[in-house]
N, C-alpha and C. Protein backbone atom coordinates (compact mmCIF):
# COMPACT_ATOMS: atom_id res chain seq x y z
N MET A 1 -6.15 7.05 14.61
CA MET A 1 -5.91 7.55 13.27
C MET A 1 -5.01 6.56 12.54
N ALA A 2 -5.35 6.26 11.32
CA ALA A 2 -4.62 5.24 10.55
C ALA A 2 -3.26 5.77 10.10
N LYS A 3 -2.27 4.89 10.15
CA LYS A 3 -0.94 5.29 9.71
C LYS A 3 -0.83 5.24 8.19
N ILE A 4 -1.55 4.32 7.56
CA ILE A 4 -1.50 4.17 6.10
C ILE A 4 -2.92 4.31 5.56
N LYS A 5 -3.05 5.15 4.54
CA LYS A 5 -4.35 5.41 3.94
C LYS A 5 -4.31 5.12 2.45
N LYS A 6 -5.49 5.07 1.84
CA LYS A 6 -5.59 4.85 0.41
C LYS A 6 -4.91 6.00 -0.33
N GLY A 7 -4.08 5.66 -1.32
CA GLY A 7 -3.38 6.68 -2.09
C GLY A 7 -1.98 6.97 -1.61
N ASP A 8 -1.59 6.46 -0.43
CA ASP A 8 -0.24 6.69 0.09
C ASP A 8 0.78 5.89 -0.72
N LEU A 9 1.99 6.41 -0.79
CA LEU A 9 3.11 5.69 -1.40
C LEU A 9 3.79 4.89 -0.30
N VAL A 10 3.86 3.56 -0.47
CA VAL A 10 4.45 2.70 0.54
C VAL A 10 5.52 1.81 -0.10
N GLN A 11 6.37 1.23 0.75
CA GLN A 11 7.41 0.31 0.30
C GLN A 11 7.30 -0.97 1.10
N VAL A 12 7.47 -2.12 0.42
CA VAL A 12 7.44 -3.42 1.08
C VAL A 12 8.77 -3.59 1.81
N ILE A 13 8.71 -3.91 3.11
CA ILE A 13 9.93 -3.99 3.91
C ILE A 13 10.27 -5.40 4.34
N THR A 14 9.42 -6.39 4.04
CA THR A 14 9.70 -7.77 4.43
C THR A 14 9.47 -8.70 3.25
N GLY A 15 9.89 -9.93 3.41
CA GLY A 15 9.68 -10.94 2.37
C GLY A 15 10.94 -11.19 1.58
N ARG A 16 10.79 -11.93 0.49
CA ARG A 16 11.92 -12.28 -0.36
C ARG A 16 12.37 -11.08 -1.17
N THR A 17 13.67 -11.00 -1.42
CA THR A 17 14.22 -9.89 -2.20
C THR A 17 13.79 -10.01 -3.65
N GLN A 18 13.95 -8.94 -4.40
CA GLN A 18 13.56 -8.96 -5.81
C GLN A 18 14.45 -9.89 -6.61
N ALA A 19 15.70 -10.06 -6.18
CA ALA A 19 16.62 -10.96 -6.87
C ALA A 19 16.15 -12.41 -6.75
N ARG A 20 15.43 -12.72 -5.69
CA ARG A 20 14.93 -14.09 -5.48
C ARG A 20 13.46 -14.22 -5.89
N GLY A 21 12.92 -13.24 -6.59
CA GLY A 21 11.55 -13.33 -7.07
C GLY A 21 10.50 -12.78 -6.13
N GLY A 22 10.92 -12.05 -5.10
CA GLY A 22 9.97 -11.49 -4.14
C GLY A 22 9.66 -10.03 -4.44
N ASP A 23 9.06 -9.37 -3.46
CA ASP A 23 8.61 -7.99 -3.63
C ASP A 23 9.28 -7.01 -2.68
N ARG A 24 10.23 -7.48 -1.84
CA ARG A 24 10.84 -6.57 -0.87
C ARG A 24 11.58 -5.45 -1.59
N GLY A 25 11.35 -4.22 -1.15
CA GLY A 25 11.99 -3.06 -1.77
C GLY A 25 11.14 -2.38 -2.82
N LYS A 26 10.05 -3.01 -3.26
CA LYS A 26 9.19 -2.39 -4.27
C LYS A 26 8.32 -1.31 -3.62
N GLN A 27 8.08 -0.25 -4.38
CA GLN A 27 7.21 0.83 -3.93
C GLN A 27 5.98 0.88 -4.80
N GLY A 28 4.86 1.29 -4.21
CA GLY A 28 3.62 1.41 -4.96
C GLY A 28 2.58 2.16 -4.16
N ARG A 29 1.51 2.56 -4.84
CA ARG A 29 0.41 3.29 -4.20
C ARG A 29 -0.57 2.29 -3.58
N VAL A 30 -1.15 2.68 -2.46
CA VAL A 30 -2.15 1.85 -1.79
C VAL A 30 -3.47 1.99 -2.54
N LEU A 31 -4.00 0.85 -3.03
CA LEU A 31 -5.27 0.86 -3.75
C LEU A 31 -6.45 0.69 -2.81
N GLU A 32 -6.23 -0.07 -1.73
CA GLU A 32 -7.34 -0.39 -0.83
C GLU A 32 -6.77 -0.71 0.55
N VAL A 33 -7.49 -0.31 1.58
CA VAL A 33 -7.13 -0.65 2.96
C VAL A 33 -8.27 -1.48 3.54
N ILE A 34 -7.95 -2.69 4.00
CA ILE A 34 -8.94 -3.58 4.61
C ILE A 34 -8.72 -3.50 6.12
N VAL A 35 -9.50 -2.65 6.79
CA VAL A 35 -9.27 -2.33 8.19
C VAL A 35 -9.54 -3.54 9.08
N GLU A 36 -10.58 -4.32 8.78
CA GLU A 36 -10.96 -5.44 9.64
C GLU A 36 -9.85 -6.49 9.73
N LYS A 37 -9.09 -6.66 8.66
CA LYS A 37 -8.04 -7.69 8.64
C LYS A 37 -6.63 -7.10 8.71
N ASN A 38 -6.52 -5.77 8.90
CA ASN A 38 -5.22 -5.09 8.95
C ASN A 38 -4.39 -5.37 7.70
N ARG A 39 -4.99 -5.24 6.55
CA ARG A 39 -4.29 -5.53 5.30
C ARG A 39 -4.45 -4.38 4.31
N VAL A 40 -3.49 -4.29 3.38
CA VAL A 40 -3.53 -3.28 2.33
C VAL A 40 -3.26 -3.95 0.99
N VAL A 41 -3.84 -3.39 -0.07
CA VAL A 41 -3.57 -3.83 -1.43
C VAL A 41 -2.72 -2.75 -2.07
N VAL A 42 -1.52 -3.13 -2.55
CA VAL A 42 -0.57 -2.18 -3.10
C VAL A 42 -0.45 -2.42 -4.60
N GLU A 43 -0.46 -1.33 -5.36
CA GLU A 43 -0.39 -1.40 -6.81
C GLU A 43 0.96 -1.97 -7.26
N GLY A 44 0.91 -3.04 -8.07
CA GLY A 44 2.12 -3.63 -8.64
C GLY A 44 2.89 -4.54 -7.72
N VAL A 45 2.31 -4.91 -6.59
CA VAL A 45 3.01 -5.74 -5.59
C VAL A 45 2.13 -6.94 -5.23
N ASN A 46 2.76 -8.10 -4.98
CA ASN A 46 2.09 -9.31 -4.51
C ASN A 46 1.05 -9.81 -5.50
N PHE A 47 1.47 -10.02 -6.75
CA PHE A 47 0.57 -10.53 -7.77
C PHE A 47 0.28 -12.01 -7.55
N VAL A 48 -0.98 -12.41 -7.72
CA VAL A 48 -1.39 -13.80 -7.66
C VAL A 48 -2.17 -14.12 -8.93
N THR A 49 -2.13 -15.39 -9.34
CA THR A 49 -2.91 -15.80 -10.51
C THR A 49 -4.21 -16.41 -10.02
N LYS A 50 -5.29 -16.07 -10.70
CA LYS A 50 -6.60 -16.57 -10.32
C LYS A 50 -7.25 -17.19 -11.54
N HIS A 51 -7.73 -18.42 -11.40
CA HIS A 51 -8.41 -19.10 -12.49
C HIS A 51 -9.90 -18.78 -12.41
N VAL A 52 -10.43 -18.18 -13.47
CA VAL A 52 -11.82 -17.74 -13.50
C VAL A 52 -12.59 -18.63 -14.46
N ARG A 53 -13.73 -19.12 -14.01
CA ARG A 53 -14.54 -20.02 -14.83
C ARG A 53 -15.07 -19.28 -16.07
N VAL A 54 -15.14 -20.01 -17.17
CA VAL A 54 -15.60 -19.42 -18.43
C VAL A 54 -17.09 -19.14 -18.33
N GLY A 55 -17.47 -17.93 -18.75
CA GLY A 55 -18.87 -17.54 -18.74
C GLY A 55 -19.16 -16.70 -19.97
N GLN A 56 -20.35 -16.17 -20.05
CA GLN A 56 -20.73 -15.32 -21.17
C GLN A 56 -21.37 -14.04 -20.65
N THR A 57 -21.05 -12.93 -21.32
CA THR A 57 -21.69 -11.67 -20.98
C THR A 57 -22.99 -11.54 -21.76
N GLN A 58 -23.70 -10.44 -21.56
CA GLN A 58 -24.97 -10.22 -22.26
C GLN A 58 -24.77 -10.15 -23.77
N ARG A 59 -23.62 -9.65 -24.19
CA ARG A 59 -23.36 -9.50 -25.63
C ARG A 59 -22.89 -10.80 -26.27
N GLY A 60 -22.59 -11.80 -25.46
CA GLY A 60 -22.19 -13.09 -26.02
C GLY A 60 -20.69 -13.31 -26.04
N THR A 61 -19.90 -12.39 -25.50
CA THR A 61 -18.45 -12.58 -25.48
C THR A 61 -18.07 -13.49 -24.33
N LYS A 62 -17.02 -14.26 -24.54
CA LYS A 62 -16.56 -15.21 -23.53
C LYS A 62 -15.73 -14.48 -22.48
N THR A 63 -15.88 -14.87 -21.22
CA THR A 63 -15.07 -14.36 -20.14
C THR A 63 -14.40 -15.54 -19.45
N GLY A 64 -13.44 -15.25 -18.63
CA GLY A 64 -12.79 -16.32 -17.89
C GLY A 64 -11.35 -16.51 -18.34
N GLY A 65 -10.70 -17.53 -17.78
CA GLY A 65 -9.30 -17.79 -18.07
C GLY A 65 -8.45 -17.54 -16.84
N ILE A 66 -7.18 -17.27 -17.07
CA ILE A 66 -6.25 -17.02 -15.97
C ILE A 66 -6.00 -15.52 -15.88
N GLU A 67 -6.31 -14.95 -14.72
CA GLU A 67 -6.12 -13.52 -14.50
C GLU A 67 -5.10 -13.32 -13.39
N THR A 68 -4.37 -12.20 -13.44
CA THR A 68 -3.46 -11.85 -12.35
C THR A 68 -3.92 -10.53 -11.75
N HIS A 69 -3.89 -10.46 -10.42
CA HIS A 69 -4.22 -9.22 -9.73
C HIS A 69 -3.49 -9.19 -8.40
N GLU A 70 -3.50 -8.01 -7.77
CA GLU A 70 -2.79 -7.82 -6.51
C GLU A 70 -3.56 -8.45 -5.35
N ALA A 71 -2.84 -9.13 -4.49
CA ALA A 71 -3.43 -9.71 -3.28
C ALA A 71 -3.08 -8.81 -2.09
N PRO A 72 -3.87 -8.87 -1.02
CA PRO A 72 -3.58 -8.03 0.15
C PRO A 72 -2.30 -8.45 0.88
N LEU A 73 -1.61 -7.46 1.44
CA LEU A 73 -0.44 -7.66 2.30
C LEU A 73 -0.81 -7.22 3.70
N HIS A 74 -0.14 -7.79 4.70
CA HIS A 74 -0.38 -7.31 6.06
C HIS A 74 0.22 -5.91 6.20
N ILE A 75 -0.45 -5.07 6.96
CA ILE A 75 -0.06 -3.66 7.07
C ILE A 75 1.31 -3.50 7.72
N SER A 76 1.74 -4.50 8.51
CA SER A 76 3.04 -4.41 9.17
C SER A 76 4.19 -4.69 8.21
N ASN A 77 3.90 -5.20 7.02
CA ASN A 77 4.94 -5.52 6.04
C ASN A 77 5.24 -4.38 5.08
N VAL A 78 4.55 -3.24 5.25
CA VAL A 78 4.80 -2.08 4.41
C VAL A 78 5.11 -0.88 5.30
N ALA A 79 5.87 0.07 4.75
CA ALA A 79 6.20 1.30 5.47
C ALA A 79 5.92 2.49 4.56
N LEU A 80 5.43 3.56 5.14
CA LEU A 80 5.15 4.78 4.40
C LEU A 80 6.46 5.36 3.88
N VAL A 81 6.46 5.89 2.65
CA VAL A 81 7.66 6.47 2.04
C VAL A 81 7.66 7.97 2.29
N ASP A 82 8.80 8.46 2.78
CA ASP A 82 8.98 9.89 3.02
C ASP A 82 8.99 10.61 1.68
N PRO A 83 8.15 11.63 1.47
CA PRO A 83 8.10 12.30 0.16
C PRO A 83 9.38 13.02 -0.20
N GLU A 84 10.19 13.42 0.78
CA GLU A 84 11.43 14.15 0.49
C GLU A 84 12.58 13.21 0.12
N SER A 85 12.82 12.18 0.96
CA SER A 85 13.97 11.32 0.74
C SER A 85 13.65 10.08 -0.09
N LYS A 86 12.37 9.80 -0.33
CA LYS A 86 11.92 8.62 -1.08
C LYS A 86 12.35 7.32 -0.43
N LYS A 87 12.51 7.33 0.90
CA LYS A 87 12.89 6.14 1.65
C LYS A 87 11.79 5.81 2.65
N PRO A 88 11.67 4.53 3.06
CA PRO A 88 10.64 4.19 4.04
C PRO A 88 10.92 4.86 5.38
N THR A 89 9.86 5.26 6.05
CA THR A 89 10.00 5.98 7.31
C THR A 89 8.87 5.63 8.25
N ARG A 90 9.04 5.99 9.51
CA ARG A 90 7.97 5.81 10.49
C ARG A 90 7.05 7.02 10.44
N VAL A 91 5.84 6.84 10.96
CA VAL A 91 4.82 7.87 10.88
C VAL A 91 4.51 8.38 12.28
N GLY A 92 4.41 9.69 12.42
CA GLY A 92 4.02 10.30 13.68
C GLY A 92 2.79 11.15 13.48
N HIS A 93 2.19 11.59 14.58
CA HIS A 93 1.03 12.46 14.54
C HIS A 93 1.30 13.68 15.41
N ARG A 94 0.81 14.82 14.99
CA ARG A 94 0.92 16.02 15.82
C ARG A 94 -0.39 16.80 15.70
N VAL A 95 -0.66 17.57 16.71
CA VAL A 95 -1.89 18.35 16.75
C VAL A 95 -1.58 19.76 16.26
N GLU A 96 -2.33 20.21 15.26
CA GLU A 96 -2.15 21.55 14.70
C GLU A 96 -3.50 22.23 14.60
N THR A 97 -3.49 23.53 14.40
CA THR A 97 -4.72 24.26 14.13
C THR A 97 -4.70 24.67 12.66
N ASN A 98 -5.80 24.41 11.98
CA ASN A 98 -5.88 24.75 10.56
C ASN A 98 -6.30 26.20 10.37
N ALA A 99 -6.53 26.61 9.13
CA ALA A 99 -6.85 28.00 8.81
C ALA A 99 -8.16 28.46 9.47
N ALA A 100 -9.07 27.52 9.67
CA ALA A 100 -10.37 27.87 10.27
C ALA A 100 -10.29 27.94 11.79
N GLY A 101 -9.12 27.66 12.37
CA GLY A 101 -8.95 27.70 13.81
C GLY A 101 -9.34 26.41 14.50
N LYS A 102 -9.62 25.36 13.73
CA LYS A 102 -10.02 24.08 14.29
C LYS A 102 -8.78 23.23 14.56
N THR A 103 -8.78 22.49 15.64
CA THR A 103 -7.66 21.63 16.00
C THR A 103 -7.79 20.30 15.26
N VAL A 104 -6.74 19.90 14.54
CA VAL A 104 -6.75 18.65 13.78
C VAL A 104 -5.47 17.88 14.05
N ARG A 105 -5.54 16.55 13.88
CA ARG A 105 -4.36 15.70 13.98
C ARG A 105 -3.80 15.50 12.59
N VAL A 106 -2.49 15.65 12.44
CA VAL A 106 -1.83 15.58 11.14
C VAL A 106 -0.74 14.52 11.19
N ARG A 107 -0.64 13.72 10.13
CA ARG A 107 0.44 12.74 10.02
C ARG A 107 1.69 13.43 9.50
N PHE A 108 2.87 12.96 9.95
CA PHE A 108 4.11 13.45 9.39
C PHE A 108 5.13 12.33 9.42
N ALA A 109 6.11 12.42 8.51
CA ALA A 109 7.16 11.41 8.43
C ALA A 109 8.25 11.74 9.43
N LYS A 110 8.58 10.76 10.27
CA LYS A 110 9.62 10.97 11.28
C LYS A 110 10.98 10.85 10.60
N LYS A 111 11.92 11.66 11.03
CA LYS A 111 13.28 11.63 10.50
C LYS A 111 14.13 10.71 11.36
N SER A 112 14.91 9.84 10.71
CA SER A 112 15.82 8.99 11.47
C SER A 112 17.17 9.67 11.55
N GLY A 113 18.09 9.09 12.30
CA GLY A 113 19.42 9.68 12.46
C GLY A 113 20.19 9.75 11.16
N LYS A 114 19.92 8.79 10.25
CA LYS A 114 20.64 8.75 8.97
C LYS A 114 20.12 9.82 8.01
N ASP A 115 18.85 10.18 8.15
CA ASP A 115 18.23 11.13 7.21
C ASP A 115 18.53 12.58 7.54
N LEU A 116 19.04 12.87 8.73
CA LEU A 116 19.24 14.26 9.14
C LEU A 116 20.36 14.93 8.42
């Protein structure tokens, strides 16, 4: 079972600090999970500039130029944010039975000694 899924709120835990122009400490929603490469795309984090060749659409408008968009981060560089404390946390799984009586695995945020 995946620890991080699309739509989760995550925080970048490695890299350069924001004071030095990096993304460490930034929080954002996961836009995409690339399972084969163990990478995630996070909204508003790890922007890269891409030069796109000039072209034309069917209507005749010009496309191209310099675009910025989010690049993938390795999944180990982000941590799931606890919805209660709004701090990064580790993820655990537990087995529960739902309303229909079916056994399912559920993710939950683990509490650290500081959060108790």
